[in-house]
Amino acid sequence: MDPAELTRLLAIVDPACSPGRVTLITRYGATKIAHHLPLHLAAVNQSSHRDCVIWQSDPMHGNTKGVQVGGKEVKTRMMADVLGELAEAVRIHKEIGLRPLGGAHLELTAEGWREGRTVTECVGGSMELGEEALGDRFESYCDRE
């Protein structure tokens, strides 16, 4: 979104600038956040909504990628990208001098845990799971036939 469009929309949805009324959820992806977030933060920072909005990072949705597992494409995420985008969001907010993030959206499941299994929909992380592990424990309803 163009930064000017963002501030125009803020004036429409929250003309009185009520603190906490609007939460801006960013989901750029690890490769795009360094370019887009500073532009959006600067635009809001220079507007009347500077101290009104809550910023939240959603590093899950901007970092999906398709991989082949057993002849079928499934969606996954690299944990390094998820954590990298979240860390970059915190760094950029701090650098610009705005309040830190008001939250982060992460997707977790207890589904496999209840049954004594591990659910794998992200790769990398502390267990250093590779794409081959997705075929064994992939549980996403988004990619089921």
N, C-alpha and C. Protein backbone atom coordinates (compact mmCIF):
# COMPACT_ATOMS: atom_id res chain seq x y z
N MET A 1 0.84 -1.18 0.00
CA MET A 1 0.00 0.00 0.00
C MET A 1 0.88 1.24 0.00
N ASP A 2 0.48 2.19 -0.76
CA ASP A 2 1.18 3.46 -0.78
C ASP A 2 1.06 4.12 0.60
N PRO A 3 2.13 4.66 1.16
CA PRO A 3 2.07 5.28 2.48
C PRO A 3 1.02 6.39 2.59
N ALA A 4 0.83 7.16 1.54
CA ALA A 4 -0.19 8.22 1.57
C ALA A 4 -1.60 7.62 1.67
N GLU A 5 -1.80 6.50 1.02
CA GLU A 5 -3.09 5.81 1.09
C GLU A 5 -3.35 5.31 2.51
N LEU A 6 -2.31 4.84 3.17
CA LEU A 6 -2.44 4.37 4.55
C LEU A 6 -2.93 5.50 5.46
N THR A 7 -2.32 6.64 5.38
CA THR A 7 -2.74 7.75 6.26
C THR A 7 -4.13 8.27 5.87
N ARG A 8 -4.47 8.22 4.60
CA ARG A 8 -5.82 8.61 4.16
C ARG A 8 -6.85 7.67 4.77
N LEU A 9 -6.57 6.37 4.76
CA LEU A 9 -7.50 5.39 5.33
C LEU A 9 -7.62 5.54 6.84
N LEU A 10 -6.52 5.85 7.50
CA LEU A 10 -6.58 6.07 8.95
C LEU A 10 -7.51 7.23 9.29
N ALA A 11 -7.47 8.28 8.49
CA ALA A 11 -8.34 9.43 8.73
C ALA A 11 -9.81 9.07 8.53
N ILE A 12 -10.07 8.09 7.67
CA ILE A 12 -11.45 7.66 7.42
C ILE A 12 -11.94 6.74 8.54
N VAL A 13 -11.16 5.73 8.90
CA VAL A 13 -11.63 4.75 9.88
C VAL A 13 -11.53 5.23 11.32
N ASP A 14 -10.69 6.22 11.57
CA ASP A 14 -10.53 6.73 12.94
C ASP A 14 -10.31 8.25 12.90
N PRO A 15 -11.34 9.00 12.48
CA PRO A 15 -11.15 10.45 12.36
C PRO A 15 -10.84 11.15 13.68
N ALA A 16 -11.29 10.59 14.79
CA ALA A 16 -11.05 11.22 16.10
C ALA A 16 -9.70 10.79 16.70
N CYS A 17 -9.01 9.91 16.02
CA CYS A 17 -7.70 9.41 16.49
C CYS A 17 -7.82 8.87 17.92
N SER A 18 -8.64 7.85 18.06
CA SER A 18 -8.85 7.22 19.37
C SER A 18 -7.75 6.19 19.62
N PRO A 19 -6.91 6.41 20.62
CA PRO A 19 -5.81 5.48 20.89
C PRO A 19 -6.31 4.05 21.07
N GLY A 20 -5.69 3.14 20.33
CA GLY A 20 -6.02 1.73 20.42
C GLY A 20 -7.16 1.26 19.55
N ARG A 21 -7.81 2.18 18.86
CA ARG A 21 -8.94 1.79 18.02
C ARG A 21 -8.48 1.02 16.77
N VAL A 22 -7.33 1.38 16.23
CA VAL A 22 -6.84 0.76 15.00
C VAL A 22 -5.55 0.00 15.28
N THR A 23 -5.53 -1.25 14.84
CA THR A 23 -4.31 -2.05 14.89
C THR A 23 -3.87 -2.29 13.45
N LEU A 24 -2.66 -1.89 13.15
CA LEU A 24 -2.10 -2.11 11.82
C LEU A 24 -1.25 -3.37 11.88
N ILE A 25 -1.68 -4.38 11.15
CA ILE A 25 -1.00 -5.67 11.15
C ILE A 25 -0.14 -5.76 9.90
N THR A 26 1.15 -5.84 10.11
CA THR A 26 2.07 -5.90 8.97
C THR A 26 2.41 -7.34 8.65
N ARG A 27 2.44 -7.65 7.37
CA ARG A 27 2.78 -8.99 6.91
C ARG A 27 3.51 -8.89 5.56
N TYR A 28 4.71 -8.35 5.64
CA TYR A 28 5.48 -8.07 4.43
C TYR A 28 6.26 -9.27 3.90
N GLY A 29 6.79 -10.06 4.80
CA GLY A 29 7.74 -11.10 4.43
C GLY A 29 9.14 -10.62 4.75
N ALA A 30 10.01 -11.54 5.06
CA ALA A 30 11.37 -11.21 5.50
C ALA A 30 12.16 -10.44 4.44
N THR A 31 11.86 -10.66 3.18
CA THR A 31 12.62 -9.99 2.12
C THR A 31 12.11 -8.60 1.78
N LYS A 32 10.91 -8.24 2.27
CA LYS A 32 10.31 -6.96 1.89
C LYS A 32 10.15 -5.98 3.04
N ILE A 33 10.26 -6.45 4.28
CA ILE A 33 9.95 -5.59 5.43
C ILE A 33 10.89 -4.38 5.51
N ALA A 34 12.16 -4.57 5.23
CA ALA A 34 13.13 -3.47 5.37
C ALA A 34 12.82 -2.32 4.41
N HIS A 35 12.16 -2.62 3.32
CA HIS A 35 11.79 -1.56 2.37
C HIS A 35 10.45 -0.92 2.74
N HIS A 36 9.43 -1.73 2.99
CA HIS A 36 8.07 -1.21 3.16
C HIS A 36 7.75 -0.66 4.55
N LEU A 37 8.17 -1.34 5.61
CA LEU A 37 7.79 -0.89 6.95
C LEU A 37 8.30 0.51 7.28
N PRO A 38 9.54 0.87 6.99
CA PRO A 38 9.98 2.24 7.30
C PRO A 38 9.13 3.30 6.59
N LEU A 39 8.69 3.04 5.38
CA LEU A 39 7.85 3.99 4.64
C LEU A 39 6.49 4.16 5.33
N HIS A 40 5.91 3.05 5.75
CA HIS A 40 4.61 3.11 6.42
C HIS A 40 4.72 3.74 7.81
N LEU A 41 5.77 3.37 8.54
CA LEU A 41 5.97 3.98 9.86
C LEU A 41 6.20 5.48 9.75
N ALA A 42 7.00 5.90 8.78
CA ALA A 42 7.28 7.33 8.61
C ALA A 42 6.00 8.09 8.27
N ALA A 43 5.17 7.52 7.41
CA ALA A 43 3.92 8.20 7.03
C ALA A 43 3.00 8.36 8.23
N VAL A 44 2.85 7.29 9.02
CA VAL A 44 1.98 7.37 10.19
C VAL A 44 2.60 8.28 11.25
N ASN A 45 3.91 8.21 11.39
CA ASN A 45 4.64 9.03 12.36
C ASN A 45 4.45 10.53 12.08
N GLN A 46 4.31 10.89 10.81
CA GLN A 46 4.14 12.29 10.43
C GLN A 46 2.67 12.71 10.36
N SER A 47 1.77 11.78 10.68
CA SER A 47 0.34 12.08 10.61
C SER A 47 -0.22 12.34 12.01
N SER A 48 -1.47 12.72 12.05
CA SER A 48 -2.14 12.93 13.34
C SER A 48 -2.37 11.62 14.09
N HIS A 49 -2.15 10.50 13.44
CA HIS A 49 -2.38 9.19 14.05
C HIS A 49 -1.12 8.58 14.67
N ARG A 50 -0.09 9.35 14.78
CA ARG A 50 1.20 8.86 15.30
C ARG A 50 1.05 8.07 16.60
N ASP A 51 0.32 8.60 17.56
CA ASP A 51 0.21 7.96 18.87
C ASP A 51 -1.10 7.20 19.06
N CYS A 52 -1.81 6.97 17.98
CA CYS A 52 -3.13 6.34 18.10
C CYS A 52 -3.14 4.87 17.69
N VAL A 53 -2.33 4.50 16.72
CA VAL A 53 -2.40 3.14 16.19
C VAL A 53 -1.51 2.19 16.98
N ILE A 54 -1.89 0.94 16.94
CA ILE A 54 -1.08 -0.15 17.50
C ILE A 54 -0.50 -0.90 16.31
N TRP A 55 0.77 -1.16 16.34
CA TRP A 55 1.43 -1.91 15.28
C TRP A 55 1.62 -3.35 15.74
N GLN A 56 1.25 -4.27 14.87
CA GLN A 56 1.42 -5.70 15.16
C GLN A 56 2.12 -6.34 13.98
N SER A 57 3.03 -7.25 14.25
CA SER A 57 3.74 -7.97 13.20
C SER A 57 3.12 -9.35 13.01
N ASP A 58 2.86 -9.71 11.77
CA ASP A 58 2.40 -11.05 11.41
C ASP A 58 3.43 -11.65 10.47
N PRO A 59 4.49 -12.24 11.03
CA PRO A 59 5.54 -12.78 10.17
C PRO A 59 5.19 -14.13 9.57
N MET A 60 4.02 -14.65 9.86
CA MET A 60 3.65 -15.96 9.34
C MET A 60 3.19 -15.90 7.88
N HIS A 61 2.34 -14.94 7.55
CA HIS A 61 1.69 -14.96 6.25
C HIS A 61 2.51 -14.39 5.10
N GLY A 62 3.45 -13.54 5.38
CA GLY A 62 4.27 -13.01 4.31
C GLY A 62 5.45 -13.90 3.95
N ASN A 63 5.59 -15.00 4.66
CA ASN A 63 6.76 -15.86 4.46
C ASN A 63 6.43 -17.26 3.99
N THR A 64 5.24 -17.47 3.44
CA THR A 64 4.90 -18.80 2.95
C THR A 64 5.58 -19.05 1.61
N LYS A 65 5.89 -20.30 1.38
CA LYS A 65 6.44 -20.70 0.08
C LYS A 65 5.96 -22.11 -0.21
N GLY A 66 5.80 -22.42 -1.48
CA GLY A 66 5.37 -23.75 -1.88
C GLY A 66 6.56 -24.66 -2.09
N VAL A 67 6.45 -25.88 -1.58
CA VAL A 67 7.49 -26.90 -1.80
C VAL A 67 6.80 -28.21 -2.20
N GLN A 68 7.50 -29.02 -2.94
CA GLN A 68 6.97 -30.31 -3.36
C GLN A 68 7.23 -31.35 -2.28
N VAL A 69 6.16 -32.01 -1.85
CA VAL A 69 6.26 -33.08 -0.87
C VAL A 69 5.42 -34.24 -1.39
N GLY A 70 6.08 -35.34 -1.72
CA GLY A 70 5.36 -36.50 -2.22
C GLY A 70 4.55 -36.22 -3.47
N GLY A 71 5.08 -35.43 -4.37
CA GLY A 71 4.39 -35.11 -5.62
C GLY A 71 3.30 -34.06 -5.50
N LYS A 72 3.16 -33.46 -4.33
CA LYS A 72 2.14 -32.44 -4.11
C LYS A 72 2.80 -31.19 -3.55
N GLU A 73 2.33 -30.03 -4.00
CA GLU A 73 2.88 -28.79 -3.44
C GLU A 73 2.14 -28.44 -2.15
N VAL A 74 2.91 -28.17 -1.11
CA VAL A 74 2.34 -27.73 0.16
C VAL A 74 2.97 -26.39 0.54
N LYS A 75 2.28 -25.64 1.40
CA LYS A 75 2.80 -24.36 1.85
C LYS A 75 3.57 -24.57 3.15
N THR A 76 4.70 -23.91 3.25
CA THR A 76 5.50 -23.98 4.46
C THR A 76 6.16 -22.63 4.70
N ARG A 77 6.87 -22.55 5.78
CA ARG A 77 7.62 -21.35 6.13
C ARG A 77 8.97 -21.76 6.70
N MET A 78 9.96 -20.95 6.45
CA MET A 78 11.26 -21.14 7.08
C MET A 78 11.23 -20.37 8.40
N MET A 79 11.54 -21.05 9.50
CA MET A 79 11.54 -20.38 10.79
C MET A 79 12.49 -19.19 10.80
N ALA A 80 13.59 -19.28 10.08
CA ALA A 80 14.54 -18.17 10.02
C ALA A 80 13.88 -16.93 9.42
N ASP A 81 13.00 -17.11 8.43
CA ASP A 81 12.29 -15.98 7.83
C ASP A 81 11.28 -15.39 8.80
N VAL A 82 10.55 -16.26 9.49
CA VAL A 82 9.55 -15.80 10.46
C VAL A 82 10.22 -14.99 11.57
N LEU A 83 11.26 -15.56 12.15
CA LEU A 83 11.97 -14.86 13.23
C LEU A 83 12.70 -13.63 12.72
N GLY A 84 13.23 -13.71 11.51
CA GLY A 84 13.92 -12.56 10.92
C GLY A 84 13.00 -11.39 10.69
N GLU A 85 11.79 -11.65 10.19
CA GLU A 85 10.84 -10.55 9.98
C GLU A 85 10.42 -9.93 11.30
N LEU A 86 10.19 -10.75 12.30
CA LEU A 86 9.80 -10.23 13.61
C LEU A 86 10.91 -9.38 14.21
N ALA A 87 12.15 -9.85 14.15
CA ALA A 87 13.29 -9.09 14.67
C ALA A 87 13.48 -7.78 13.90
N GLU A 88 13.28 -7.84 12.60
CA GLU A 88 13.42 -6.64 11.77
C GLU A 88 12.34 -5.61 12.12
N ALA A 89 11.12 -6.07 12.38
CA ALA A 89 10.04 -5.16 12.76
C ALA A 89 10.39 -4.44 14.05
N VAL A 90 10.90 -5.16 15.03
CA VAL A 90 11.29 -4.55 16.31
C VAL A 90 12.41 -3.55 16.09
N ARG A 91 13.41 -3.94 15.30
CA ARG A 91 14.56 -3.06 15.03
C ARG A 91 14.12 -1.77 14.35
N ILE A 92 13.27 -1.88 13.36
CA ILE A 92 12.84 -0.69 12.60
C ILE A 92 12.02 0.24 13.48
N HIS A 93 11.11 -0.31 14.28
CA HIS A 93 10.33 0.53 15.20
C HIS A 93 11.26 1.30 16.14
N LYS A 94 12.23 0.60 16.68
CA LYS A 94 13.17 1.21 17.62
C LYS A 94 13.99 2.29 16.93
N GLU A 95 14.46 1.99 15.73
CA GLU A 95 15.29 2.93 14.97
C GLU A 95 14.54 4.22 14.66
N ILE A 96 13.26 4.10 14.33
CA ILE A 96 12.47 5.27 13.99
C ILE A 96 12.02 6.02 15.24
N GLY A 97 12.06 5.36 16.38
CA GLY A 97 11.71 6.02 17.63
C GLY A 97 10.23 5.91 17.99
N LEU A 98 9.57 4.92 17.41
CA LEU A 98 8.16 4.71 17.74
C LEU A 98 8.02 3.65 18.83
N ARG A 99 6.84 3.60 19.42
CA ARG A 99 6.57 2.57 20.40
C ARG A 99 6.91 1.21 19.83
N PRO A 100 7.31 0.29 20.68
CA PRO A 100 7.58 -1.05 20.17
C PRO A 100 6.29 -1.71 19.69
N LEU A 101 6.43 -2.83 19.08
CA LEU A 101 5.26 -3.55 18.57
C LEU A 101 4.25 -3.79 19.68
N GLY A 102 2.99 -3.73 19.32
CA GLY A 102 1.92 -4.02 20.26
C GLY A 102 1.56 -5.49 20.27
N GLY A 103 2.20 -6.27 19.42
CA GLY A 103 1.91 -7.70 19.40
C GLY A 103 2.54 -8.37 18.19
N ALA A 104 2.48 -9.69 18.23
CA ALA A 104 2.96 -10.50 17.11
C ALA A 104 2.00 -11.66 16.92
N HIS A 105 1.73 -11.98 15.68
CA HIS A 105 0.83 -13.09 15.35
C HIS A 105 1.70 -14.30 15.01
N LEU A 106 1.58 -15.34 15.79
CA LEU A 106 2.27 -16.60 15.52
C LEU A 106 1.24 -17.71 15.50
N GLU A 107 1.44 -18.69 14.66
CA GLU A 107 0.50 -19.81 14.58
C GLU A 107 1.13 -21.03 15.22
N LEU A 108 0.41 -21.58 16.17
CA LEU A 108 0.88 -22.75 16.90
C LEU A 108 -0.26 -23.76 16.94
N THR A 109 0.07 -25.02 17.21
CA THR A 109 -0.97 -26.03 17.35
C THR A 109 -0.61 -27.00 18.46
N ALA A 110 -1.62 -27.47 19.13
CA ALA A 110 -1.44 -28.52 20.13
C ALA A 110 -1.99 -29.84 19.58
N GLU A 111 -2.45 -29.81 18.35
CA GLU A 111 -3.09 -30.98 17.74
C GLU A 111 -2.25 -32.25 17.86
N GLY A 112 -1.03 -32.22 17.35
CA GLY A 112 -0.18 -33.41 17.41
C GLY A 112 0.29 -33.70 18.82
N TRP A 113 0.47 -32.65 19.60
CA TRP A 113 0.96 -32.81 20.97
C TRP A 113 0.01 -33.68 21.78
N ARG A 114 -1.29 -33.47 21.62
CA ARG A 114 -2.28 -34.26 22.35
C ARG A 114 -2.17 -35.74 22.04
N GLU A 115 -1.75 -36.05 20.84
CA GLU A 115 -1.64 -37.44 20.40
C GLU A 115 -0.21 -37.97 20.49
N GLY A 116 0.69 -37.19 21.07
CA GLY A 116 2.08 -37.62 21.20
C GLY A 116 2.87 -37.56 19.91
N ARG A 117 2.41 -36.74 18.96
CA ARG A 117 3.11 -36.59 17.68
C ARG A 117 3.64 -35.16 17.57
N THR A 118 4.55 -34.96 16.66
CA THR A 118 5.05 -33.63 16.34
C THR A 118 4.41 -33.19 15.03
N VAL A 119 3.83 -32.00 15.00
CA VAL A 119 3.27 -31.46 13.77
C VAL A 119 4.33 -30.58 13.13
N THR A 120 4.55 -30.76 11.84
CA THR A 120 5.59 -30.00 11.14
C THR A 120 4.98 -29.26 9.97
N GLU A 121 4.90 -27.94 10.08
CA GLU A 121 4.45 -27.12 8.97
C GLU A 121 5.44 -26.01 8.66
N CYS A 122 6.46 -25.88 9.51
CA CYS A 122 7.55 -24.94 9.27
C CYS A 122 8.84 -25.75 9.22
N VAL A 123 9.81 -25.24 8.51
CA VAL A 123 11.10 -25.92 8.44
C VAL A 123 12.18 -25.04 9.05
N GLY A 124 13.26 -25.67 9.46
CA GLY A 124 14.33 -24.95 10.14
C GLY A 124 14.10 -24.98 11.63
N GLY A 125 14.34 -23.88 12.29
CA GLY A 125 14.12 -23.79 13.73
C GLY A 125 15.14 -24.55 14.54
N SER A 126 14.88 -24.68 15.83
CA SER A 126 15.84 -25.31 16.72
C SER A 126 16.06 -26.78 16.42
N MET A 127 15.07 -27.43 15.79
CA MET A 127 15.22 -28.84 15.43
C MET A 127 15.84 -29.03 14.06
N GLU A 128 16.07 -27.91 13.37
CA GLU A 128 16.69 -27.93 12.04
C GLU A 128 15.98 -28.88 11.08
N LEU A 129 14.66 -28.83 11.09
CA LEU A 129 13.88 -29.70 10.21
C LEU A 129 14.00 -29.24 8.77
N GLY A 130 14.12 -30.20 7.89
CA GLY A 130 14.20 -29.92 6.46
C GLY A 130 12.86 -30.15 5.79
N GLU A 131 12.77 -29.80 4.53
CA GLU A 131 11.52 -29.96 3.79
C GLU A 131 11.06 -31.40 3.75
N GLU A 132 11.97 -32.34 3.82
CA GLU A 132 11.59 -33.76 3.78
C GLU A 132 10.73 -34.15 4.98
N ALA A 133 10.85 -33.43 6.09
CA ALA A 133 10.05 -33.73 7.29
C ALA A 133 8.59 -33.34 7.11
N LEU A 134 8.29 -32.49 6.15
CA LEU A 134 6.91 -32.05 5.94
C LEU A 134 6.01 -33.22 5.54
N GLY A 135 6.53 -34.15 4.80
CA GLY A 135 5.74 -35.29 4.36
C GLY A 135 5.30 -36.20 5.48
N ASP A 136 6.04 -36.23 6.57
CA ASP A 136 5.73 -37.12 7.68
C ASP A 136 4.69 -36.55 8.62
N ARG A 137 4.72 -35.25 8.84
CA ARG A 137 3.90 -34.68 9.91
C ARG A 137 3.19 -33.39 9.50
N PHE A 138 2.88 -33.23 8.24
CA PHE A 138 2.24 -32.00 7.76
C PHE A 138 0.75 -32.11 8.04
N GLU A 139 0.16 -31.14 8.76
CA GLU A 139 -1.23 -31.23 9.20
C GLU A 139 -2.11 -30.06 8.74
N SER A 140 -1.66 -29.25 7.82
CA SER A 140 -2.42 -28.06 7.43
C SER A 140 -3.68 -28.43 6.66
N TYR A 141 -4.80 -27.86 7.08
CA TYR A 141 -6.05 -28.06 6.35
C TYR A 141 -6.08 -27.22 5.08
N CYS A 142 -5.24 -26.24 4.98
CA CYS A 142 -5.20 -25.39 3.79
C CYS A 142 -4.75 -26.15 2.56
N ASP A 143 -3.94 -27.16 2.74
CA ASP A 143 -3.36 -27.87 1.60
C ASP A 143 -3.90 -29.28 1.43
N ARG A 144 -4.92 -29.63 2.14
CA ARG A 144 -5.49 -30.96 1.97
C ARG A 144 -6.47 -30.96 0.80
N GLU A 145 -6.57 -32.11 0.16
CA GLU A 145 -7.51 -32.23 -0.98
C GLU A 145 -8.91 -32.45 -0.49
